[in-house]
Every structure is written in C-alpha cells, then in structure tokens.
N, C-alpha and C. Protein backbone atom coordinates (compact mmCIF):
# COMPACT_ATOMS: atom_id res chain seq x y z
N UNK A 1 -31.31 -39.59 -12.58
CA UNK A 1 -30.96 -38.31 -13.05
C UNK A 1 -29.43 -38.28 -13.28
N UNK A 2 -28.99 -37.63 -14.23
CA UNK A 2 -27.60 -37.55 -14.56
C UNK A 2 -27.03 -36.22 -14.10
N UNK A 3 -25.90 -36.18 -13.55
CA UNK A 3 -25.21 -34.91 -13.03
C UNK A 3 -23.90 -34.88 -13.82
N UNK A 4 -23.49 -33.70 -14.06
CA UNK A 4 -22.20 -33.32 -14.72
C UNK A 4 -21.46 -32.44 -13.92
N UNK A 5 -20.12 -32.52 -13.89
CA UNK A 5 -19.30 -31.88 -12.95
C UNK A 5 -18.09 -31.28 -13.53
N UNK A 6 -17.78 -30.25 -12.95
CA UNK A 6 -16.43 -29.52 -13.45
C UNK A 6 -15.39 -30.49 -13.19
N UNK A 7 -14.36 -30.43 -14.07
CA UNK A 7 -13.30 -31.26 -14.01
C UNK A 7 -12.01 -30.43 -13.80
N UNK A 8 -11.98 -29.31 -13.25
CA UNK A 8 -11.02 -28.30 -13.14
C UNK A 8 -10.59 -28.29 -11.72
N UNK A 9 -9.21 -28.75 -11.46
CA UNK A 9 -8.67 -28.80 -10.08
C UNK A 9 -7.48 -28.04 -10.09
N UNK A 10 -7.21 -27.46 -8.81
CA UNK A 10 -5.84 -26.65 -8.71
C UNK A 10 -4.69 -27.77 -8.67
N UNK A 11 -3.44 -27.24 -8.49
CA UNK A 11 -2.29 -28.12 -8.53
C UNK A 11 -2.33 -28.90 -7.24
N UNK A 12 -2.66 -28.30 -6.20
CA UNK A 12 -2.61 -29.05 -4.86
C UNK A 12 -3.80 -30.33 -4.95
N UNK A 13 -4.81 -29.91 -5.37
CA UNK A 13 -5.82 -30.95 -5.53
C UNK A 13 -5.56 -32.17 -6.65
N UNK A 14 -4.83 -31.65 -7.70
CA UNK A 14 -4.32 -32.79 -8.62
C UNK A 14 -3.26 -33.50 -8.06
N UNK A 15 -2.42 -33.03 -7.15
CA UNK A 15 -1.37 -33.81 -6.44
C UNK A 15 -1.95 -34.81 -5.65
N UNK A 16 -2.95 -34.24 -4.78
CA UNK A 16 -3.78 -35.26 -3.88
C UNK A 16 -4.39 -36.43 -4.70
N UNK A 17 -5.22 -36.11 -5.89
CA UNK A 17 -5.66 -37.11 -6.75
C UNK A 17 -4.82 -37.97 -7.26
N UNK A 18 -3.65 -37.54 -7.71
CA UNK A 18 -2.59 -38.42 -8.12
C UNK A 18 -1.94 -39.36 -7.21
N UNK A 19 -1.63 -38.76 -5.92
CA UNK A 19 -1.01 -39.53 -5.03
C UNK A 19 -1.95 -40.51 -4.34
N UNK A 20 -3.23 -40.32 -4.35
CA UNK A 20 -4.10 -41.19 -3.81
C UNK A 20 -4.82 -42.24 -4.84
N UNK A 21 -4.43 -42.07 -6.08
CA UNK A 21 -5.01 -43.06 -7.04
C UNK A 21 -6.52 -42.83 -7.15
N UNK A 22 -6.93 -41.57 -7.27
CA UNK A 22 -8.38 -41.06 -7.41
C UNK A 22 -8.54 -40.97 -8.67
N UNK A 23 -9.97 -41.02 -9.06
CA UNK A 23 -10.51 -40.86 -10.39
C UNK A 23 -11.35 -39.63 -10.48
N UNK A 24 -11.05 -38.68 -11.42
CA UNK A 24 -11.87 -37.60 -11.54
C UNK A 24 -13.25 -38.11 -12.21
N UNK A 25 -14.30 -37.63 -11.75
CA UNK A 25 -15.73 -37.98 -12.43
C UNK A 25 -16.23 -36.96 -12.94
N UNK A 26 -16.64 -36.94 -14.24
CA UNK A 26 -17.07 -35.90 -15.06
C UNK A 26 -18.59 -35.86 -15.03
N UNK A 27 -19.18 -37.13 -14.90
CA UNK A 27 -20.53 -37.16 -14.82
C UNK A 27 -20.91 -38.48 -14.00
N UNK A 28 -22.24 -38.59 -13.57
CA UNK A 28 -22.70 -39.78 -12.89
C UNK A 28 -24.20 -39.80 -12.96
N UNK A 29 -24.65 -40.83 -13.06
CA UNK A 29 -26.18 -41.29 -13.02
C UNK A 29 -26.60 -41.83 -11.80
N UNK A 30 -27.53 -41.12 -11.04
CA UNK A 30 -27.92 -41.63 -9.85
C UNK A 30 -29.55 -41.67 -9.94
N UNK A 31 -30.01 -42.86 -9.59
CA UNK A 31 -31.47 -42.92 -9.78
C UNK A 31 -32.32 -42.22 -8.83
N UNK A 32 -32.07 -42.31 -7.50
CA UNK A 32 -32.91 -41.40 -6.55
C UNK A 32 -31.91 -40.61 -5.60
N UNK A 33 -32.32 -39.35 -5.54
CA UNK A 33 -31.39 -38.56 -4.69
C UNK A 33 -32.17 -37.66 -3.70
N UNK A 34 -31.73 -37.35 -2.71
CA UNK A 34 -32.30 -36.25 -1.69
C UNK A 34 -31.50 -35.14 -1.34
N UNK A 35 -30.88 -34.52 -2.58
CA UNK A 35 -29.95 -33.49 -2.52
C UNK A 35 -30.79 -32.22 -2.10
N UNK A 36 -30.32 -31.32 -1.17
CA UNK A 36 -30.84 -29.94 -1.06
C UNK A 36 -30.24 -29.31 -2.27
N UNK A 37 -30.73 -28.02 -2.33
CA UNK A 37 -30.04 -27.20 -3.48
C UNK A 37 -28.52 -27.03 -3.34
N UNK A 38 -28.04 -26.96 -2.09
CA UNK A 38 -26.53 -26.81 -1.72
C UNK A 38 -25.83 -27.97 -1.90
N UNK A 39 -26.56 -29.16 -1.97
CA UNK A 39 -25.93 -30.48 -1.94
C UNK A 39 -25.68 -30.98 -3.49
N UNK A 40 -26.02 -30.33 -4.37
CA UNK A 40 -25.81 -30.55 -5.78
C UNK A 40 -24.23 -30.50 -6.10
N UNK A 41 -23.57 -31.69 -6.24
CA UNK A 41 -22.14 -31.50 -6.29
C UNK A 41 -21.69 -30.71 -7.50
N UNK A 42 -20.63 -29.95 -7.24
CA UNK A 42 -19.90 -28.99 -8.26
C UNK A 42 -18.81 -29.90 -8.91
N UNK A 43 -17.98 -30.60 -8.19
CA UNK A 43 -17.07 -31.57 -8.67
C UNK A 43 -17.22 -32.91 -8.02
N UNK A 44 -16.54 -33.99 -8.47
CA UNK A 44 -16.60 -35.26 -7.94
C UNK A 44 -15.40 -36.04 -8.26
N UNK A 45 -14.99 -36.92 -7.26
CA UNK A 45 -13.76 -37.72 -7.44
C UNK A 45 -14.27 -39.08 -6.91
N UNK A 46 -13.53 -40.36 -7.30
CA UNK A 46 -13.70 -41.59 -6.79
C UNK A 46 -12.50 -41.86 -5.97
N UNK A 47 -12.62 -41.97 -4.59
CA UNK A 47 -11.46 -42.24 -3.82
C UNK A 47 -11.70 -43.68 -3.26
N UNK A 48 -10.84 -44.55 -3.62
CA UNK A 48 -11.07 -45.92 -3.29
C UNK A 48 -12.42 -46.37 -3.85
N UNK A 49 -13.40 -46.89 -2.99
CA UNK A 49 -14.69 -47.34 -3.38
C UNK A 49 -15.61 -46.35 -3.06
N UNK A 50 -15.26 -44.97 -2.65
CA UNK A 50 -16.28 -43.92 -2.18
C UNK A 50 -16.27 -42.82 -3.35
N UNK A 51 -17.39 -42.28 -3.52
CA UNK A 51 -17.50 -41.31 -4.29
C UNK A 51 -17.64 -39.91 -3.41
N UNK A 52 -16.85 -38.85 -3.72
CA UNK A 52 -16.57 -37.75 -2.96
C UNK A 52 -17.02 -36.59 -3.76
N UNK A 53 -18.01 -35.78 -3.32
CA UNK A 53 -18.51 -34.54 -4.14
C UNK A 53 -18.25 -33.35 -3.28
N UNK A 54 -18.03 -32.24 -4.28
CA UNK A 54 -17.85 -31.03 -3.56
C UNK A 54 -19.13 -30.33 -3.55
N UNK A 55 -19.59 -29.97 -2.39
CA UNK A 55 -20.97 -29.31 -1.97
C UNK A 55 -20.80 -28.22 -1.34
N UNK A 56 -21.82 -27.31 -1.04
CA UNK A 56 -22.00 -26.25 -0.30
C UNK A 56 -22.35 -26.51 1.08
N UNK A 57 -21.61 -26.17 2.14
CA UNK A 57 -22.08 -26.41 3.52
C UNK A 57 -23.25 -25.56 3.91
N UNK A 58 -24.24 -26.23 4.36
CA UNK A 58 -25.56 -25.55 4.70
C UNK A 58 -25.40 -24.53 5.73
N UNK A 59 -24.56 -24.83 6.71
CA UNK A 59 -24.31 -23.82 7.78
C UNK A 59 -23.55 -22.55 7.51
N UNK A 60 -22.35 -22.58 6.84
CA UNK A 60 -21.61 -21.37 6.44
C UNK A 60 -21.39 -21.03 5.08
N UNK A 61 -21.96 -21.84 4.27
CA UNK A 61 -21.91 -21.59 2.83
C UNK A 61 -20.66 -21.78 2.22
N UNK A 62 -19.63 -22.42 2.86
CA UNK A 62 -18.26 -22.84 2.40
C UNK A 62 -18.32 -24.10 1.59
N UNK A 63 -17.44 -24.26 0.60
CA UNK A 63 -17.24 -25.39 -0.14
C UNK A 63 -16.58 -26.65 0.84
N UNK A 64 -17.21 -27.84 0.91
CA UNK A 64 -16.84 -28.92 1.59
C UNK A 64 -16.79 -30.22 0.63
N UNK A 65 -16.21 -31.24 1.10
CA UNK A 65 -16.19 -32.48 0.32
C UNK A 65 -17.11 -33.40 1.20
N UNK A 66 -18.03 -33.98 0.57
CA UNK A 66 -18.98 -34.78 0.96
C UNK A 66 -18.93 -36.25 0.58
N UNK A 67 -19.05 -37.22 1.31
CA UNK A 67 -18.98 -38.78 1.08
C UNK A 67 -20.42 -39.06 0.61
N UNK A 68 -20.55 -39.40 -0.67
CA UNK A 68 -21.82 -40.02 -1.06
C UNK A 68 -22.29 -41.31 -0.76
N UNK A 69 -23.37 -41.49 -0.24
CA UNK A 69 -23.80 -42.80 0.37
C UNK A 69 -25.27 -43.08 -0.08
N UNK A 70 -25.76 -44.46 -0.14
CA UNK A 70 -26.91 -44.82 -0.44
C UNK A 70 -27.62 -45.29 0.92
N UNK A 71 -28.68 -44.45 1.27
CA UNK A 71 -29.49 -44.72 2.42
C UNK A 71 -30.66 -45.65 2.20
N UNK A 72 -31.62 -45.50 3.24
CA UNK A 72 -32.67 -46.45 3.18
C UNK A 72 -33.41 -46.17 1.76
N UNK A 73 -34.20 -47.14 1.48
CA UNK A 73 -35.01 -47.10 0.11
C UNK A 73 -34.15 -46.68 -1.09
N UNK A 74 -32.76 -46.83 -0.95
CA UNK A 74 -32.10 -46.61 -2.18
C UNK A 74 -31.83 -45.31 -2.52
N UNK A 75 -31.96 -44.23 -1.81
CA UNK A 75 -31.83 -42.89 -1.98
C UNK A 75 -30.45 -42.25 -1.65
N UNK A 76 -29.86 -41.73 -2.70
CA UNK A 76 -28.47 -41.28 -2.49
C UNK A 76 -28.42 -39.87 -1.63
N UNK A 77 -27.49 -39.66 -0.86
CA UNK A 77 -27.32 -38.51 -0.07
C UNK A 77 -25.77 -38.36 0.49
N UNK A 78 -25.45 -37.15 0.84
CA UNK A 78 -24.11 -37.05 1.38
C UNK A 78 -24.19 -37.26 2.82
N UNK A 79 -23.38 -38.03 3.43
CA UNK A 79 -23.52 -38.50 4.66
C UNK A 79 -22.36 -37.97 5.78
N UNK A 80 -21.24 -37.70 5.32
CA UNK A 80 -20.15 -37.03 5.96
C UNK A 80 -19.56 -36.04 5.15
N UNK A 81 -19.09 -34.86 5.85
CA UNK A 81 -18.53 -33.68 5.29
C UNK A 81 -17.18 -33.35 5.77
N UNK A 82 -16.24 -33.07 4.94
CA UNK A 82 -14.92 -32.55 5.32
C UNK A 82 -14.52 -31.52 4.68
N UNK A 83 -13.79 -30.51 5.44
CA UNK A 83 -13.20 -29.33 4.90
C UNK A 83 -12.34 -29.31 3.79
N UNK A 84 -11.46 -30.52 3.76
CA UNK A 84 -10.45 -30.52 2.70
C UNK A 84 -10.40 -32.02 2.26
N UNK A 85 -9.76 -32.32 1.13
CA UNK A 85 -9.47 -33.60 0.75
C UNK A 85 -8.56 -34.28 1.76
N UNK A 86 -7.59 -33.66 2.34
CA UNK A 86 -6.72 -34.27 3.25
C UNK A 86 -7.54 -34.74 4.42
N UNK A 87 -8.39 -33.87 4.93
CA UNK A 87 -9.33 -34.20 6.18
C UNK A 87 -10.14 -35.42 5.85
N UNK A 88 -10.61 -35.60 4.56
CA UNK A 88 -11.42 -36.64 4.01
C UNK A 88 -10.81 -37.76 4.14
N UNK A 89 -9.45 -37.86 3.63
CA UNK A 89 -8.65 -39.11 3.61
C UNK A 89 -8.32 -39.57 4.80
N UNK A 90 -8.13 -38.76 5.91
CA UNK A 90 -7.80 -39.13 7.21
C UNK A 90 -9.18 -39.77 7.94
N UNK A 91 -10.34 -39.10 7.49
CA UNK A 91 -11.56 -39.46 8.19
C UNK A 91 -12.27 -40.69 7.68
N UNK A 92 -11.87 -41.14 6.55
CA UNK A 92 -12.49 -42.38 5.89
C UNK A 92 -11.81 -43.75 6.29
C-alpha cells in the first residue's frame, strides 16, 4: 500500500529537521501494515535510520510522533510514541 503525507511543517519543526539532518518523506510504500484508523500517518520524516510518523494517540486524540517498525511476519506498525520531535530524539 502506498501512503502519501503532508509536507507542511512549522518553523520549529523545520529547524529540528534541518539541525538533525532529517529527510521529509512525501510518500512511502509499505507492503503489510497493521495500522488502526488513528495510526495512518499524517506526516513522516526519516530520522537517521528510523521512519517517524505523525499519528493520533488512541488514548487522548492528540497528535504524537510514532517510530515505524517491522514486527513479526513483516507487518509494519508504530512501536513507540513521543509527544514531540525533541522527546523522540532523546528517546531513540
């Protein structure tokens, strides 16, 4: 399945992306996913070797950044969630 993302970021996010040598991802093809409706990413960046997607938190409906990972049987899912890009950078 091919996913397309918004590439609009605010000044603070763009400063983070630039200072951490991230890549803005406009689309990606993932063969198997196990995303809930809230986990379909709105925006995505590549941070080092990790793909980070902006998703909706199932608990409170806020936007969070999730680390995309490949689980058992080759199914893609979001395994860790962070409130901000800065928190994600500290957590990875």
